[in-house]
Amino acid sequence: MFRDYTQAAIEIAREAGGLLIDRLHTTRTIEYKDHNRFNIVTEVDKASEKLITDYLKDKFPSHDILAEEGTDVKTESEWLWVVDPLDGTVNYAHAYPLFAVSIALLHRGKPVVGVVYEPNRDELYVAEQGGGAMKNDKPIRVSKNNRLDGAMLSTGFAYNVAETRLNNLNHFSNFVLECHAVRRDGVASVDLCYTACGRFDGFWERFLKPWDIAAGVLIVNEAGGQVSMLDGKPLDIFGDEIVASNGVLHKEMLRILKK
């Protein structure tokens, strides 16, 4: 049912990923959003977004588009493309080789297609509603780990980390004391995909945007995982927080988050 949409997302995600790699070691202009030294954008973010959104506008002119760097097409459509043209901008600005292109299609507010392309490892994660999740055309599943003390988790810290008490440092400390390891890679879409394929057993973060998680959430769900808000309530894609897990560890993660 969604095959044409999925193929389109794959095609343009790969093309955008190629652009990111081609320009990784060139001179980049860095700007600061909202006068926040942690929240940056490069001209490559903008170039990638233009490439993706121009493609989607041409191919699906009746669909809405929401993208991180300002593209906001509203036609009252039931279909909404949610795009992060370069997830991991800080990594990219430092030539740290982990970043991704994330593209999701929502129908009536629910993700039905999710594509995340990490070009450094040439890993393409794809999911369709009801169709399972794939990495480079092979099915993936979440881990079977049922012990928090043997789990490797992932998290992130938002751009307002120095401005709010809800900065995730308390949760980070609590998890470090109770699980095997916690990683902080700075790319939420990849964190979710790594949870979907079993590299991570779970992921949590605050102050995210829909373009950070929309594709990854579907990929986790279709890989057999579980997602929710930090208090365990059903996930709101347009909320600003998420817990994702292999499902088995979800209650344990929520327990730590309630401390």
Protein backbone atom coordinates (compact mmCIF):
# COMPACT_ATOMS: atom_id res chain seq x y z
CA MET A 1 0.00 0.00 0.00
CA PHE A 2 2.83 2.39 0.85
CA ARG A 3 5.46 0.98 -1.52
CA ASP A 4 5.63 3.99 -3.86
CA TYR A 5 6.07 6.35 -0.91
CA THR A 6 8.74 4.13 0.61
CA GLN A 7 10.71 3.87 -2.62
CA ALA A 8 10.60 7.63 -3.05
CA ALA A 9 11.85 8.18 0.50
CA ILE A 10 14.66 5.66 -0.01
CA GLU A 11 15.74 7.26 -3.27
CA ILE A 12 15.97 10.79 -1.94
CA ALA A 13 17.43 9.75 1.43
CA ARG A 14 20.30 8.02 -0.36
CA GLU A 15 20.84 11.04 -2.60
CA ALA A 16 20.86 13.40 0.37
CA GLY A 17 23.23 11.10 2.25
CA GLY A 18 25.61 11.24 -0.70
CA LEU A 19 25.51 15.02 -0.58
CA LEU A 20 26.41 14.96 3.13
CA ILE A 21 29.40 12.70 2.52
CA ASP A 22 30.58 14.70 -0.50
CA ARG A 23 30.64 17.92 1.51
CA LEU A 24 31.81 16.51 4.84
CA HIS A 25 35.40 17.71 4.55
CA THR A 26 34.72 21.00 2.78
CA THR A 27 34.68 24.38 4.51
CA ARG A 28 31.33 24.89 6.24
CA THR A 29 29.52 27.98 7.43
CA ILE A 30 28.08 27.49 10.92
CA GLU A 31 25.16 29.56 12.18
CA TYR A 32 23.58 29.55 15.63
CA LYS A 33 19.85 29.13 16.10
CA ASP A 34 18.10 31.25 18.72
CA HIS A 35 21.47 32.63 19.84
CA ASN A 36 22.20 29.26 21.46
CA ARG A 37 25.80 28.07 21.16
CA PHE A 38 24.66 24.44 21.31
CA ASN A 39 22.07 24.72 18.52
CA ILE A 40 23.80 25.06 15.18
CA VAL A 41 22.99 24.73 11.50
CA THR A 42 25.30 24.52 8.50
CA GLU A 43 24.72 25.34 4.85
CA VAL A 44 24.81 21.58 4.24
CA ASP A 45 21.71 21.09 6.44
CA LYS A 46 19.93 23.64 4.26
CA ALA A 47 21.19 22.17 0.99
CA SER A 48 20.10 18.69 2.02
CA GLU A 49 16.67 19.96 3.08
CA LYS A 50 16.17 21.76 -0.24
CA LEU A 51 17.17 18.64 -2.16
CA ILE A 52 14.70 16.48 -0.23
CA THR A 53 11.77 18.87 -0.06
CA ASP A 54 12.02 19.92 -3.71
CA TYR A 55 11.87 16.24 -4.62
CA LEU A 56 8.87 15.58 -2.38
CA LYS A 57 7.01 18.68 -3.61
CA ASP A 58 7.48 17.59 -7.20
CA LYS A 59 6.56 13.94 -6.60
CA PHE A 60 3.70 14.45 -4.12
CA PRO A 61 2.36 17.98 -4.69
CA SER A 62 -0.77 17.40 -2.60
CA HIS A 63 1.17 16.33 0.52
CA ASP A 64 2.24 18.52 3.43
CA ILE A 65 5.89 18.77 4.48
CA LEU A 66 7.49 19.63 7.83
CA ALA A 67 11.28 19.85 7.91
CA GLU A 68 13.79 20.95 10.53
CA GLU A 69 15.30 23.94 8.77
CA GLY A 70 12.05 25.73 8.06
CA THR A 71 10.20 24.05 5.20
CA ASP A 72 6.55 24.00 6.24
CA VAL A 73 4.06 23.15 3.48
CA LYS A 74 0.46 23.12 4.65
CA THR A 75 -2.41 22.13 2.37
CA GLU A 76 -4.66 20.42 4.93
CA SER A 77 -3.60 17.07 3.50
CA GLU A 78 -3.96 13.82 5.47
CA TRP A 79 -0.37 13.06 4.41
CA LEU A 80 2.61 14.75 6.06
CA TRP A 81 6.28 14.22 5.27
CA VAL A 82 8.52 14.87 8.29
CA VAL A 83 12.14 15.45 7.36
CA ASP A 84 15.43 15.80 9.19
CA PRO A 85 17.92 16.56 6.42
CA LEU A 86 20.96 16.13 8.68
CA ASP A 87 20.40 14.54 12.06
CA GLY A 88 23.61 15.01 14.01
CA THR A 89 24.66 18.47 12.86
CA VAL A 90 27.15 18.92 15.70
CA ASN A 91 28.80 15.62 14.77
CA TYR A 92 28.87 16.73 11.14
CA ALA A 93 30.38 20.10 11.96
CA HIS A 94 33.24 18.31 13.72
CA ALA A 95 33.58 15.66 10.97
CA TYR A 96 32.59 13.02 13.53
CA PRO A 97 31.40 10.16 11.31
CA LEU A 98 27.91 9.54 12.64
CA PHE A 99 24.93 11.43 11.22
CA ALA A 100 21.86 10.57 9.19
CA VAL A 101 19.02 11.58 6.94
CA SER A 102 15.60 10.84 8.42
CA ILE A 103 12.36 10.87 6.40
CA ALA A 104 8.94 9.79 7.64
CA LEU A 105 5.49 9.87 6.11
CA LEU A 106 2.57 10.36 8.48
CA HIS A 107 -1.04 9.58 7.60
CA ARG A 108 -3.54 11.32 9.85
CA GLY A 109 -0.74 11.94 12.33
CA LYS A 110 0.58 8.37 12.48
CA PRO A 111 3.86 7.22 10.89
CA VAL A 112 3.28 4.78 8.04
CA VAL A 113 6.68 4.99 6.31
CA GLY A 114 10.04 5.50 7.99
CA VAL A 115 13.45 5.74 6.31
CA VAL A 116 16.74 6.53 8.05
CA TYR A 117 19.96 6.51 6.04
CA GLU A 118 23.33 6.62 7.82
CA PRO A 119 25.80 7.21 4.97
CA ASN A 120 29.07 6.66 6.84
CA ARG A 121 28.28 2.95 7.28
CA ASP A 122 25.94 2.89 4.28
CA GLU A 123 23.14 1.59 6.48
CA LEU A 124 19.58 2.07 5.28
CA TYR A 125 16.79 1.42 7.77
CA VAL A 126 13.27 1.12 6.37
CA ALA A 127 9.84 0.34 7.81
CA GLU A 128 6.29 0.38 6.57
CA GLN A 129 3.27 0.14 8.83
CA GLY A 130 2.47 -3.53 9.22
CA GLY A 131 5.39 -4.59 7.04
CA GLY A 132 8.23 -5.09 9.48
CA ALA A 133 11.57 -3.30 9.62
CA MET A 134 14.65 -3.78 7.48
CA LYS A 135 18.32 -2.82 7.48
CA ASN A 136 19.87 -2.97 4.02
CA ASP A 137 17.01 -5.19 2.85
CA LYS A 138 17.35 -7.70 5.69
CA PRO A 139 14.74 -8.01 8.48
CA ILE A 140 15.74 -6.68 11.89
CA ARG A 141 14.41 -7.32 15.39
CA VAL A 142 14.99 -5.75 18.78
CA SER A 143 17.21 -7.51 21.31
CA LYS A 144 15.95 -10.22 23.63
CA ASN A 145 17.90 -8.96 26.63
CA ASN A 146 15.74 -9.06 29.76
CA ARG A 147 18.23 -7.75 32.33
CA LEU A 148 18.81 -4.06 32.86
CA ASP A 149 22.19 -4.74 34.43
CA GLY A 150 23.25 -6.31 31.14
CA ALA A 151 21.74 -3.65 28.90
CA MET A 152 23.42 -1.05 26.75
CA LEU A 153 21.26 2.04 26.46
CA SER A 154 21.51 5.34 24.63
CA THR A 155 20.42 8.88 25.37
CA GLY A 156 21.07 12.48 24.42
CA PHE A 157 21.17 15.98 25.86
CA ALA A 158 19.16 18.82 24.38
CA TYR A 159 20.39 22.24 23.31
CA ASN A 160 18.87 23.75 26.47
CA VAL A 161 20.94 21.50 28.78
CA ALA A 162 22.43 24.52 30.55
CA GLU A 163 19.08 26.28 30.92
CA THR A 164 16.71 23.79 32.56
CA ARG A 165 16.65 21.42 35.51
CA LEU A 166 15.00 18.86 33.20
CA ASN A 167 18.35 18.37 31.51
CA ASN A 168 18.46 14.55 31.69
CA LEU A 169 21.62 14.50 33.81
CA ASN A 170 19.74 12.89 36.71
CA HIS A 171 18.35 10.11 34.49
CA PHE A 172 21.77 9.58 32.94
CA SER A 173 23.34 9.14 36.38
CA ASN A 174 20.62 6.76 37.53
CA PHE A 175 20.91 4.55 34.45
CA VAL A 176 24.72 4.48 34.57
CA LEU A 177 24.46 2.97 38.06
CA GLU A 178 21.98 0.27 37.04
CA CYS A 179 22.74 -0.82 33.48
CA HIS A 180 25.80 -2.19 31.73
CA ALA A 181 26.56 0.91 29.63
CA VAL A 182 25.07 4.19 28.39
CA ARG A 183 26.12 5.77 25.11
CA ARG A 184 25.55 9.31 23.89
CA ASP A 185 26.08 9.58 20.12
CA GLY A 186 24.06 12.71 19.35
CA VAL A 187 21.80 11.29 16.60
CA ALA A 188 18.34 10.34 17.86
CA SER A 189 17.22 8.76 14.59
CA VAL A 190 20.23 6.43 14.65
CA ASP A 191 19.74 5.68 18.36
CA LEU A 192 16.24 4.48 17.53
CA CYS A 193 17.46 2.39 14.60
CA TYR A 194 20.18 0.84 16.75
CA THR A 195 17.48 -0.05 19.27
CA ALA A 196 15.42 -1.57 16.47
CA CYS A 197 18.27 -3.80 15.28
CA GLY A 198 19.41 -4.81 18.77
CA ARG A 199 22.65 -2.85 19.08
CA PHE A 200 21.02 -0.87 21.88
CA ASP A 201 18.48 -2.34 24.27
CA GLY A 202 16.79 1.01 24.82
CA PHE A 203 16.88 4.77 24.32
CA TRP A 204 15.39 7.77 26.06
CA GLU A 205 15.63 11.53 25.59
CA ARG A 206 13.87 14.84 26.30
CA PHE A 207 13.23 17.94 24.19
CA LEU A 208 13.12 16.22 20.82
CA LYS A 209 11.22 17.32 17.71
CA PRO A 210 9.03 15.21 15.41
CA TRP A 211 11.71 15.12 12.71
CA ASP A 212 14.11 13.56 15.23
CA ILE A 213 11.93 10.55 15.95
CA ALA A 214 9.08 10.09 13.44
CA ALA A 215 10.90 7.63 11.18
CA GLY A 216 12.77 5.87 13.98
CA VAL A 217 9.64 5.29 16.05
CA LEU A 218 8.02 3.32 13.24
CA ILE A 219 11.22 1.35 12.70
CA VAL A 220 11.36 0.40 16.40
CA ASN A 221 7.69 -0.58 16.48
CA GLU A 222 7.96 -2.68 13.33
CA ALA A 223 11.07 -4.39 14.73
CA GLY A 224 9.04 -5.56 17.74
CA GLY A 225 10.01 -2.83 20.20
CA GLN A 226 8.02 -0.46 22.35
CA VAL A 227 7.86 3.34 22.58
CA SER A 228 6.16 5.69 25.03
CA MET A 229 6.46 8.98 26.84
CA LEU A 230 8.75 9.07 29.88
CA ASP A 231 5.79 8.43 32.19
CA GLY A 232 4.66 5.41 30.19
CA LYS A 233 1.77 7.13 28.41
CA PRO A 234 1.31 6.53 24.66
CA LEU A 235 3.91 8.33 22.58
CA ASP A 236 3.00 11.66 21.02
CA ILE A 237 5.11 12.18 17.89
CA PHE A 238 4.66 15.92 18.39
CA GLY A 239 5.56 15.74 22.07
CA ASP A 240 9.11 16.38 23.22
CA GLU A 241 10.24 13.16 24.89
CA ILE A 242 10.53 9.45 24.23
CA VAL A 243 11.43 6.09 25.74
CA ALA A 244 12.12 3.29 23.29
CA SER A 245 13.10 -0.25 24.20
CA ASN A 246 13.09 -3.88 23.18
CA GLY A 247 9.79 -4.10 25.08
CA VAL A 248 11.08 -6.53 27.68
CA LEU A 249 12.99 -3.79 29.50
CA HIS A 250 10.39 -1.06 29.13
CA LYS A 251 8.95 -1.27 32.64
CA GLU A 252 12.44 -1.30 34.14
CA MET A 253 13.40 1.78 32.16
CA LEU A 254 10.24 3.56 33.27
CA ARG A 255 11.04 2.64 36.86
CA ILE A 256 14.43 4.35 36.63
CA LEU A 257 12.92 7.38 34.92
CA LYS A 258 10.43 7.80 37.79
CA LYS A 259 13.21 8.17 40.38
